[in-house]
Amino acid sequence: MVPPANQPAPANQLAVDDGLRLRAWRRMRRLATGLLGLMLAVFLAANALEGRFPWLSFLKAFAEAALVGGAADWFAVTALFRRPFGLPIPHTAIVPRNKDRVGTSLGGFISNNFLSPEVILPKVKAMDVAGRLAGWLADEANARFVARRIVAAVPPLVAAMQDEPVRRMLCQAAVERLQAIEAAPLLSRILTILIAGGQHLALFDLGLDGARRFVVENQEQIRQTIGEKSGWWVPEWIDAKLAERIIAGGLETLEEMRAPDHPWRLQFQDGVGGLIDRLAHSPQTRAHAEALKEEIIGHSEVQAYIESLWLEAKRVILADLAAGDRIERTLTGALGGFGERLREDRTLRDVVNSWVNRAILHIVVPNRQRIGSFLAGVVRSWDTPTLVGKLELQVGRDLQYIRINGTLVGGLVGLAIHALSVALG
């Protein structure tokens, strides 16, 4: 019985199949041997009664030839795997005596005839792996099965990783990626996007809010600083009056700068536009931007943050996996959605099938000789009883049919020859 698509094959399925083959082989062997014994009994009976019943000569001829054919085929079948009656007859026990050659021939046969591009690629293309995968993943039970296996495999895999090599690798990859990005063009594009959405003016207003808050919160410090910088001969009430004027004037100026046509606001906009142009075209500005980027990347706090990314990612992954089946549900939905998309999108199926074809071309086909050598090595590693047992299990039942056919065909040939001799006599 074939297991459902969302369940693995039972562990004892191969043992069950081997048991069925073994029983079928033994049954056919008993039948072939019994038929040979029957022919011997018929021959003896016909030979004994032929004088009284002359027509039994035909039955005797049939049985005699059947005995010869059946015995010859029994010898041939037995000689493949062992020595008949244990006698050292030449060219018997062919498989045990040529075990290594059988393994080498089997490996070469499979690699040359089953794993060649001319044979395997048309078969894979005809299979439509992407279409089969789409239909399989579209079943929620199958998608959940895959998601559950992934979720179960991730924690031990992540926990088994050594933190230091992974951290160092990720840190190096992140730094190299940041260094590969040109700072000036990136900043130029960011500022262009901000201007297009008017966000640069929002930043300007945010700066005004910060400046106003600074002035309001530090009025006493401003008065004290003005008093300290003023001459000794200036009265304190004049210093206080001057400080009030400066504070009020500053706040008033900051408020006026919120007007869309204020000169300073317009100068800010022009300055941003000029900076965008310099970032895009000025080699000097671009060099300054690159130097600033390198300085930021090389800062100790930035390096420490980058190095901590792996530990934080590891913590988050393990925490999410331990928190419940949220990730499993998410993966199930994602896999099911991918299956639906794959089933509906012919272009995507073609892409997946091309990946499979390329994988076979670049992985299986170039290594077919290694696969053949592996198979040959497995066969060579078996002891003689194991090899003989496995081969007999696979082909033994069919070989017993050969014995039966040899017995019956031999008998018919003998009968025909006897009938011909009688007709000619």
Protein backbone atom coordinates (compact mmCIF):
# COMPACT_ATOMS: atom_id res chain seq x y z
CA MET A 1 0.00 0.00 0.00
CA VAL A 2 1.44 3.38 -0.99
CA PRO A 3 1.58 5.84 1.94
CA PRO A 4 -0.22 9.21 1.64
CA ALA A 5 1.78 11.97 0.01
CA ASN A 6 2.10 13.88 3.28
CA GLN A 7 3.56 10.96 5.22
CA PRO A 8 6.93 9.28 4.94
CA ALA A 9 7.08 5.65 3.83
CA PRO A 10 6.97 3.22 6.79
CA ALA A 11 10.41 2.20 7.97
CA ASN A 12 9.60 -1.50 7.51
CA GLN A 13 8.12 -1.11 4.00
CA LEU A 14 11.24 -2.47 2.28
CA ALA A 15 11.33 -5.41 4.68
CA VAL A 16 7.68 -6.17 3.88
CA ASP A 17 8.37 -6.04 0.12
CA ASP A 18 11.40 -8.31 0.52
CA GLY A 19 9.30 -10.75 2.49
CA LEU A 20 6.70 -10.89 -0.28
CA ARG A 21 9.39 -11.45 -2.90
CA LEU A 22 10.98 -14.20 -0.80
CA ARG A 23 7.69 -16.06 -0.41
CA ALA A 24 6.91 -15.73 -4.12
CA TRP A 25 10.39 -17.03 -5.03
CA ARG A 26 10.11 -20.02 -2.72
CA ARG A 27 6.65 -20.83 -4.04
CA MET A 28 7.85 -20.77 -7.65
CA ARG A 29 10.93 -22.82 -6.77
CA ARG A 30 8.74 -25.49 -5.18
CA LEU A 31 6.49 -25.46 -8.24
CA ALA A 32 9.44 -25.84 -10.66
CA THR A 33 11.01 -28.62 -8.59
CA GLY A 34 7.66 -30.33 -8.14
CA LEU A 35 7.07 -30.23 -11.90
CA LEU A 36 10.48 -31.83 -12.48
CA GLY A 37 9.64 -34.52 -9.92
CA LEU A 38 6.29 -35.09 -11.61
CA MET A 39 8.00 -35.60 -14.96
CA LEU A 40 10.32 -38.17 -13.36
CA ALA A 41 7.33 -40.05 -11.94
CA VAL A 42 5.53 -39.92 -15.28
CA PHE A 43 8.63 -41.19 -17.10
CA LEU A 44 9.06 -44.11 -14.71
CA ALA A 45 5.39 -45.04 -14.90
CA ALA A 46 5.25 -44.77 -18.69
CA ASN A 47 8.45 -46.76 -19.05
CA ALA A 48 7.05 -49.54 -16.85
CA LEU A 49 3.68 -49.75 -18.60
CA GLU A 50 4.78 -49.07 -22.16
CA GLY A 51 4.78 -52.80 -23.02
CA ARG A 52 1.11 -53.13 -22.15
CA PHE A 53 0.08 -49.75 -23.48
CA PRO A 54 2.20 -48.79 -26.54
CA TRP A 55 0.64 -45.34 -26.76
CA LEU A 56 2.47 -44.48 -23.51
CA SER A 57 5.61 -44.10 -25.62
CA PHE A 58 4.42 -40.61 -26.45
CA LEU A 59 3.97 -39.76 -22.77
CA LYS A 60 7.33 -41.34 -22.04
CA ALA A 61 9.04 -39.23 -24.74
CA PHE A 62 7.40 -36.09 -23.39
CA ALA A 63 8.46 -36.84 -19.80
CA GLU A 64 11.97 -37.85 -20.83
CA ALA A 65 12.59 -34.66 -22.80
CA ALA A 66 10.94 -32.60 -20.03
CA LEU A 67 13.37 -34.12 -17.54
CA VAL A 68 16.30 -33.20 -19.75
CA GLY A 69 15.06 -29.63 -20.33
CA GLY A 70 14.10 -29.06 -16.71
CA ALA A 71 17.39 -30.50 -15.39
CA ALA A 72 19.41 -28.42 -17.85
CA ASP A 73 17.61 -25.20 -16.85
CA TRP A 74 17.92 -26.09 -13.16
CA PHE A 75 21.66 -26.49 -13.69
CA ALA A 76 21.88 -23.17 -15.55
CA VAL A 77 19.90 -21.26 -12.93
CA THR A 78 21.76 -22.84 -10.04
CA ALA A 79 25.15 -22.27 -11.67
CA LEU A 80 24.52 -18.51 -11.65
CA PHE A 81 24.60 -18.35 -7.85
CA ARG A 82 26.32 -21.49 -6.53
CA ARG A 83 27.99 -24.77 -7.47
CA PRO A 84 25.41 -27.49 -8.24
CA PHE A 85 25.65 -30.18 -5.54
CA GLY A 86 28.79 -28.38 -4.32
CA LEU A 87 30.83 -29.85 -7.18
CA PRO A 88 33.72 -27.73 -8.58
CA ILE A 89 32.26 -27.70 -12.09
CA PRO A 90 33.85 -25.04 -14.35
CA HIS A 91 31.86 -21.87 -15.02
CA THR A 92 29.50 -22.37 -12.10
CA ALA A 93 28.88 -20.03 -9.13
CA ILE A 94 29.29 -17.25 -11.68
CA VAL A 95 27.98 -14.40 -9.51
CA PRO A 96 30.03 -15.19 -6.35
CA ARG A 97 33.23 -15.69 -8.33
CA ASN A 98 32.76 -12.41 -10.20
CA LYS A 99 31.34 -10.29 -7.39
CA ASP A 100 33.70 -7.36 -7.92
CA ARG A 101 33.23 -7.43 -11.67
CA VAL A 102 29.45 -7.52 -11.20
CA GLY A 103 29.65 -4.42 -9.01
CA THR A 104 31.87 -2.57 -11.49
CA SER A 105 29.69 -3.58 -14.43
CA LEU A 106 26.51 -2.59 -12.57
CA GLY A 107 27.93 0.82 -11.63
CA GLY A 108 29.15 1.45 -15.17
CA PHE A 109 25.88 0.29 -16.69
CA ILE A 110 23.81 2.62 -14.52
CA SER A 111 26.09 5.64 -14.93
CA ASN A 112 26.40 5.25 -18.70
CA ASN A 113 22.86 4.18 -19.55
CA PHE A 114 20.69 5.87 -16.92
CA LEU A 115 22.59 9.03 -15.92
CA SER A 116 23.70 10.30 -19.32
CA PRO A 117 22.28 13.71 -20.39
CA GLU A 118 20.59 12.16 -23.44
CA VAL A 119 18.61 9.80 -21.21
CA ILE A 120 17.97 11.68 -17.99
CA LEU A 121 17.06 15.18 -19.23
CA PRO A 122 14.11 14.14 -21.45
CA LYS A 123 12.79 12.06 -18.56
CA VAL A 124 13.08 14.95 -16.12
CA LYS A 125 11.46 17.38 -18.54
CA ALA A 126 8.59 14.97 -19.11
CA MET A 127 8.08 14.66 -15.35
CA ASP A 128 7.27 18.39 -14.97
CA VAL A 129 8.79 18.55 -11.49
CA ALA A 130 7.43 22.06 -10.90
CA GLY A 131 3.87 21.01 -11.77
CA ARG A 132 4.06 18.01 -9.45
CA LEU A 133 5.53 20.17 -6.68
CA ALA A 134 2.80 22.77 -7.17
CA GLY A 135 0.03 20.22 -6.83
CA TRP A 136 1.71 18.64 -3.80
CA LEU A 137 2.34 21.90 -1.93
CA ALA A 138 -1.16 23.20 -2.70
CA ASP A 139 -2.46 20.54 -0.32
CA GLU A 140 -2.38 22.17 3.11
CA ALA A 141 -1.47 18.90 4.82
CA ASN A 142 1.66 18.60 2.68
CA ALA A 143 2.62 22.24 3.21
CA ARG A 144 2.18 21.77 6.97
CA PHE A 145 4.30 18.61 6.86
CA VAL A 146 7.20 20.47 5.19
CA ALA A 147 6.83 23.47 7.52
CA ARG A 148 6.87 21.23 10.58
CA ARG A 149 10.04 19.51 9.38
CA ILE A 150 11.74 22.86 8.74
CA VAL A 151 10.75 24.23 12.14
CA ALA A 152 11.96 21.06 13.84
CA ALA A 153 15.31 21.17 12.02
CA VAL A 154 16.16 24.84 12.60
CA PRO A 155 16.73 24.94 16.42
CA PRO A 156 19.33 22.14 16.57
CA LEU A 157 20.99 23.51 13.45
CA VAL A 158 21.21 27.04 14.87
CA ALA A 159 22.27 25.78 18.30
CA ALA A 160 25.00 23.64 16.75
CA MET A 161 26.58 26.61 14.98
CA GLN A 162 29.66 28.06 16.66
CA ASP A 163 28.92 31.69 17.40
CA GLU A 164 32.38 33.12 16.75
CA PRO A 165 32.87 31.91 13.13
CA VAL A 166 29.31 32.85 12.18
CA ARG A 167 29.59 36.24 13.87
CA ARG A 168 32.90 36.92 12.15
CA MET A 169 31.53 35.85 8.76
CA LEU A 170 28.39 37.99 9.06
CA CYS A 171 30.40 40.97 10.31
CA GLN A 172 32.81 40.71 7.41
CA ALA A 173 29.96 40.29 4.91
CA ALA A 174 28.09 43.30 6.33
CA VAL A 175 31.19 45.53 6.30
CA GLU A 176 32.09 44.49 2.76
CA ARG A 177 28.53 45.16 1.63
CA LEU A 178 28.51 48.61 3.23
CA GLN A 179 31.90 49.44 1.77
CA ALA A 180 30.68 48.44 -1.68
CA ILE A 181 27.88 51.03 -1.54
CA GLU A 182 28.92 54.47 -2.80
CA ALA A 183 27.83 56.97 -0.16
CA ALA A 184 27.49 60.10 -2.33
CA PRO A 185 25.08 58.72 -4.97
CA LEU A 186 23.01 57.09 -2.21
CA LEU A 187 22.76 60.32 -0.24
CA SER A 188 21.95 62.20 -3.44
CA ARG A 189 19.06 59.86 -4.22
CA ILE A 190 17.78 60.02 -0.63
CA LEU A 191 17.78 63.84 -0.65
CA THR A 192 16.09 63.88 -4.07
CA ILE A 193 13.31 61.66 -2.71
CA LEU A 194 12.96 63.91 0.37
CA ILE A 195 12.67 67.03 -1.79
CA ALA A 196 10.13 65.37 -4.10
CA GLY A 197 7.91 64.64 -1.10
CA GLY A 198 8.59 67.94 0.68
CA GLN A 199 10.18 66.07 3.55
CA HIS A 200 13.26 68.31 3.59
CA LEU A 201 11.04 71.21 4.71
CA ALA A 202 9.64 69.01 7.45
CA LEU A 203 13.23 68.43 8.57
CA PHE A 204 13.81 72.20 8.43
CA ASP A 205 10.73 72.80 10.61
CA LEU A 206 11.89 70.07 12.95
CA GLY A 207 15.19 71.92 13.27
CA LEU A 208 13.31 75.14 14.04
CA ASP A 209 11.32 73.36 16.75
CA GLY A 210 14.54 72.07 18.27
CA ALA A 211 16.15 75.51 18.17
CA ARG A 212 13.09 77.18 19.76
CA ARG A 213 12.96 74.53 22.48
CA PHE A 214 16.67 75.05 23.17
CA VAL A 215 16.20 78.81 23.52
CA VAL A 216 13.15 78.48 25.77
CA GLU A 217 14.73 75.89 28.01
CA ASN A 218 18.04 77.74 28.37
CA GLN A 219 16.91 81.35 28.89
CA GLU A 220 18.60 81.65 32.26
CA GLN A 221 21.87 80.30 30.85
CA ILE A 222 21.64 82.86 28.00
CA ARG A 223 21.13 85.72 30.48
CA GLN A 224 24.05 84.50 32.59
CA THR A 225 26.34 84.22 29.57
CA ILE A 226 25.42 87.74 28.37
CA GLY A 227 26.11 89.09 31.86
CA GLU A 228 29.49 87.38 31.99
CA LYS A 229 30.52 88.66 28.55
CA SER A 230 29.34 92.21 29.22
CA GLY A 231 31.73 94.88 30.50
CA TRP A 232 32.04 95.46 34.24
CA TRP A 233 30.86 98.97 33.87
CA VAL A 234 27.51 97.96 32.20
CA PRO A 235 24.62 97.91 34.72
CA GLU A 236 22.91 94.57 35.33
CA TRP A 237 19.51 95.89 34.32
CA ILE A 238 20.92 96.71 30.86
CA ASP A 239 22.34 93.16 30.59
CA ALA A 240 18.95 91.76 31.54
CA LYS A 241 17.19 94.00 29.03
CA LEU A 242 19.63 92.98 26.29
CA ALA A 243 19.19 89.28 27.10
CA GLU A 244 15.40 89.64 26.92
CA ARG A 245 15.71 91.37 23.55
CA ILE A 246 18.05 88.69 22.22
CA ILE A 247 15.82 85.84 23.44
CA ALA A 248 12.64 87.45 22.10
CA GLY A 249 14.32 88.34 18.80
CA GLY A 250 15.65 84.83 18.39
CA LEU A 251 12.24 83.26 19.03
CA GLU A 252 10.58 85.73 16.69
CA THR A 253 13.12 85.01 13.94
CA LEU A 254 12.63 81.26 14.34
CA GLU A 255 8.88 81.74 14.00
CA GLU A 256 9.28 83.95 10.92
CA MET A 257 11.42 81.29 9.27
CA ARG A 258 8.33 79.06 9.11
CA ALA A 259 6.92 81.26 6.36
CA PRO A 260 7.27 79.59 2.91
CA ASP A 261 8.88 82.69 1.37
CA HIS A 262 11.31 83.46 4.15
CA PRO A 263 14.78 84.10 2.63
CA TRP A 264 16.58 81.78 4.98
CA ARG A 265 14.05 79.02 4.22
CA LEU A 266 14.58 79.54 0.52
CA GLN A 267 18.36 79.53 1.03
CA PHE A 268 18.01 76.20 2.84
CA GLN A 269 16.14 74.75 -0.12
CA ASP A 270 18.76 76.05 -2.54
CA GLY A 271 21.49 74.67 -0.31
CA VAL A 272 19.91 71.21 -0.31
CA GLY A 273 19.61 71.34 -4.10
CA GLY A 274 23.24 72.36 -4.40
CA LEU A 275 24.32 69.57 -2.07
CA ILE A 276 22.42 67.04 -4.20
CA ASP A 277 24.20 68.31 -7.30
CA ARG A 278 27.61 68.19 -5.60
CA LEU A 279 26.99 64.68 -4.27
CA ALA A 280 26.10 63.54 -7.77
CA HIS A 281 28.86 65.31 -9.74
CA SER A 282 31.60 66.75 -7.52
CA PRO A 283 34.57 64.37 -7.06
CA GLN A 284 35.64 66.29 -3.97
CA THR A 285 32.22 65.99 -2.31
CA ARG A 286 32.02 62.32 -3.23
CA ALA A 287 35.44 61.74 -1.69
CA HIS A 288 34.36 63.50 1.49
CA ALA A 289 31.21 61.34 1.63
CA GLU A 290 33.28 58.16 1.20
CA ALA A 291 35.66 59.23 3.94
CA LEU A 292 32.74 59.93 6.26
CA LYS A 293 31.24 56.54 5.45
CA GLU A 294 34.50 54.73 6.22
CA GLU A 295 34.81 56.66 9.46
CA ILE A 296 31.30 55.64 10.50
CA ILE A 297 31.85 51.98 9.55
CA GLY A 298 35.12 51.86 11.42
CA HIS A 299 33.69 53.40 14.59
CA SER A 300 33.96 51.04 17.54
CA GLU A 301 30.28 51.28 18.46
CA VAL A 302 29.20 50.55 14.89
CA GLN A 303 31.56 47.56 14.76
CA ALA A 304 30.21 46.29 18.07
CA TYR A 305 26.64 46.63 16.80
CA ILE A 306 27.41 44.72 13.58
CA GLU A 307 29.14 41.97 15.56
CA SER A 308 26.10 41.63 17.83
CA LEU A 309 23.70 41.04 14.93
CA TRP A 310 24.24 37.25 14.84
CA LEU A 311 23.67 36.75 18.57
CA GLU A 312 20.53 38.90 18.42
CA ALA A 313 19.26 37.11 15.32
CA LYS A 314 19.96 33.73 16.93
CA ARG A 315 18.11 34.76 20.09
CA VAL A 316 15.11 36.00 18.12
CA ILE A 317 14.96 32.87 15.95
CA LEU A 318 15.10 30.46 18.88
CA ALA A 319 12.65 32.55 20.91
CA ASP A 320 10.13 32.67 18.05
CA LEU A 321 10.43 28.93 17.45
CA ALA A 322 9.92 28.19 21.13
CA ALA A 323 6.99 30.58 21.47
CA GLY A 324 4.49 28.33 19.68
CA ASP A 325 3.38 27.31 16.22
CA ARG A 326 3.29 30.84 14.79
CA ILE A 327 6.28 30.26 12.52
CA GLU A 328 4.92 26.87 11.48
CA ARG A 329 1.59 28.46 10.50
CA THR A 330 3.40 31.22 8.64
CA LEU A 331 5.58 28.74 6.76
CA THR A 332 2.55 26.57 5.98
CA GLY A 333 0.74 29.54 4.47
CA ALA A 334 3.83 30.64 2.55
CA LEU A 335 4.45 27.15 1.14
CA GLY A 336 0.80 26.71 0.24
CA GLY A 337 0.77 30.12 -1.43
CA PHE A 338 3.89 29.22 -3.35
CA GLY A 339 2.25 26.01 -4.51
CA GLU A 340 -0.83 27.90 -5.72
CA ARG A 341 1.30 30.50 -7.47
CA LEU A 342 3.41 27.77 -9.05
CA ARG A 343 0.30 25.98 -10.29
CA GLU A 344 -1.19 29.11 -11.84
CA ASP A 345 1.96 30.74 -13.22
CA ARG A 346 3.33 28.87 -16.23
CA THR A 347 6.35 31.18 -16.43
CA LEU A 348 7.30 30.41 -12.82
CA ARG A 349 6.91 26.67 -13.47
CA ASP A 350 9.22 26.98 -16.45
CA VAL A 351 11.78 28.77 -14.26
CA VAL A 352 11.63 26.06 -11.57
CA ASN A 353 11.87 23.30 -14.14
CA SER A 354 14.89 25.01 -15.69
CA TRP A 355 16.50 25.10 -12.22
CA VAL A 356 15.92 21.36 -11.88
CA ASN A 357 17.35 20.71 -15.34
CA ARG A 358 20.43 22.81 -14.61
CA ALA A 359 20.90 21.10 -11.25
CA ILE A 360 20.91 17.73 -12.98
CA LEU A 361 23.28 18.95 -15.67
CA HIS A 362 25.71 20.49 -13.21
CA ILE A 363 25.44 18.04 -10.31
CA VAL A 364 24.19 14.60 -11.33
CA VAL A 365 25.58 14.27 -14.85
CA PRO A 366 29.18 15.42 -14.14
CA ASN A 367 29.28 13.08 -11.14
CA ARG A 368 27.71 10.05 -12.79
CA GLN A 369 31.01 8.18 -12.79
CA ARG A 370 31.31 8.81 -9.06
CA ILE A 371 27.76 7.55 -8.59
CA GLY A 372 28.64 4.45 -10.59
CA SER A 373 31.79 3.95 -8.53
CA PHE A 374 29.76 4.35 -5.35
CA LEU A 375 27.31 1.66 -6.48
CA ALA A 376 30.21 -0.62 -7.45
CA GLY A 377 31.80 -0.06 -4.03
CA VAL A 378 28.56 -0.94 -2.26
CA VAL A 379 28.29 -4.20 -4.22
CA ARG A 380 31.95 -5.03 -3.55
CA SER A 381 31.42 -4.42 0.17
CA TRP A 382 28.72 -7.09 0.35
CA ASP A 383 29.80 -10.60 1.31
CA THR A 384 28.97 -13.39 -1.11
CA PRO A 385 25.85 -14.71 0.69
CA THR A 386 24.43 -11.18 0.89
CA LEU A 387 25.00 -10.52 -2.82
CA VAL A 388 23.56 -13.88 -3.85
CA GLY A 389 20.58 -13.42 -1.54
CA LYS A 390 19.77 -9.93 -2.88
CA LEU A 391 20.02 -10.97 -6.53
CA GLU A 392 17.99 -14.13 -6.02
CA LEU A 393 15.39 -12.09 -4.17
CA GLN A 394 15.00 -9.75 -7.15
CA VAL A 395 15.17 -12.21 -10.07
CA GLY A 396 14.76 -15.62 -8.45
CA ARG A 397 11.02 -15.87 -9.15
CA ASP A 398 11.55 -15.16 -12.86
CA LEU A 399 14.39 -17.69 -13.01
CA GLN A 400 12.04 -20.36 -11.65
CA TYR A 401 9.69 -19.56 -14.53
CA ILE A 402 12.63 -20.35 -16.82
CA ARG A 403 12.91 -23.78 -15.18
CA ILE A 404 9.18 -24.39 -15.64
CA ASN A 405 9.27 -23.23 -19.25
CA GLY A 406 12.35 -25.37 -19.91
CA THR A 407 10.58 -28.43 -18.53
CA LEU A 408 7.42 -27.90 -20.57
CA VAL A 409 9.14 -26.78 -23.77
CA GLY A 410 11.63 -29.67 -23.50
CA GLY A 411 8.75 -32.09 -23.12
CA LEU A 412 6.91 -30.68 -26.15
CA VAL A 413 10.07 -30.85 -28.26
CA GLY A 414 10.66 -34.46 -27.18
CA LEU A 415 7.05 -35.31 -27.98
CA ALA A 416 7.35 -33.72 -31.41
CA ILE A 417 10.58 -35.61 -32.16
CA HIS A 418 9.04 -38.92 -31.03
CA ALA A 419 5.94 -38.31 -33.08
CA LEU A 420 8.06 -37.49 -36.12
CA SER A 421 10.15 -40.64 -35.65
CA VAL A 422 7.01 -42.77 -35.38
CA ALA A 423 5.56 -41.16 -38.51
CA LEU A 424 8.76 -41.72 -40.46
CA GLY A 425 9.19 -45.31 -39.15
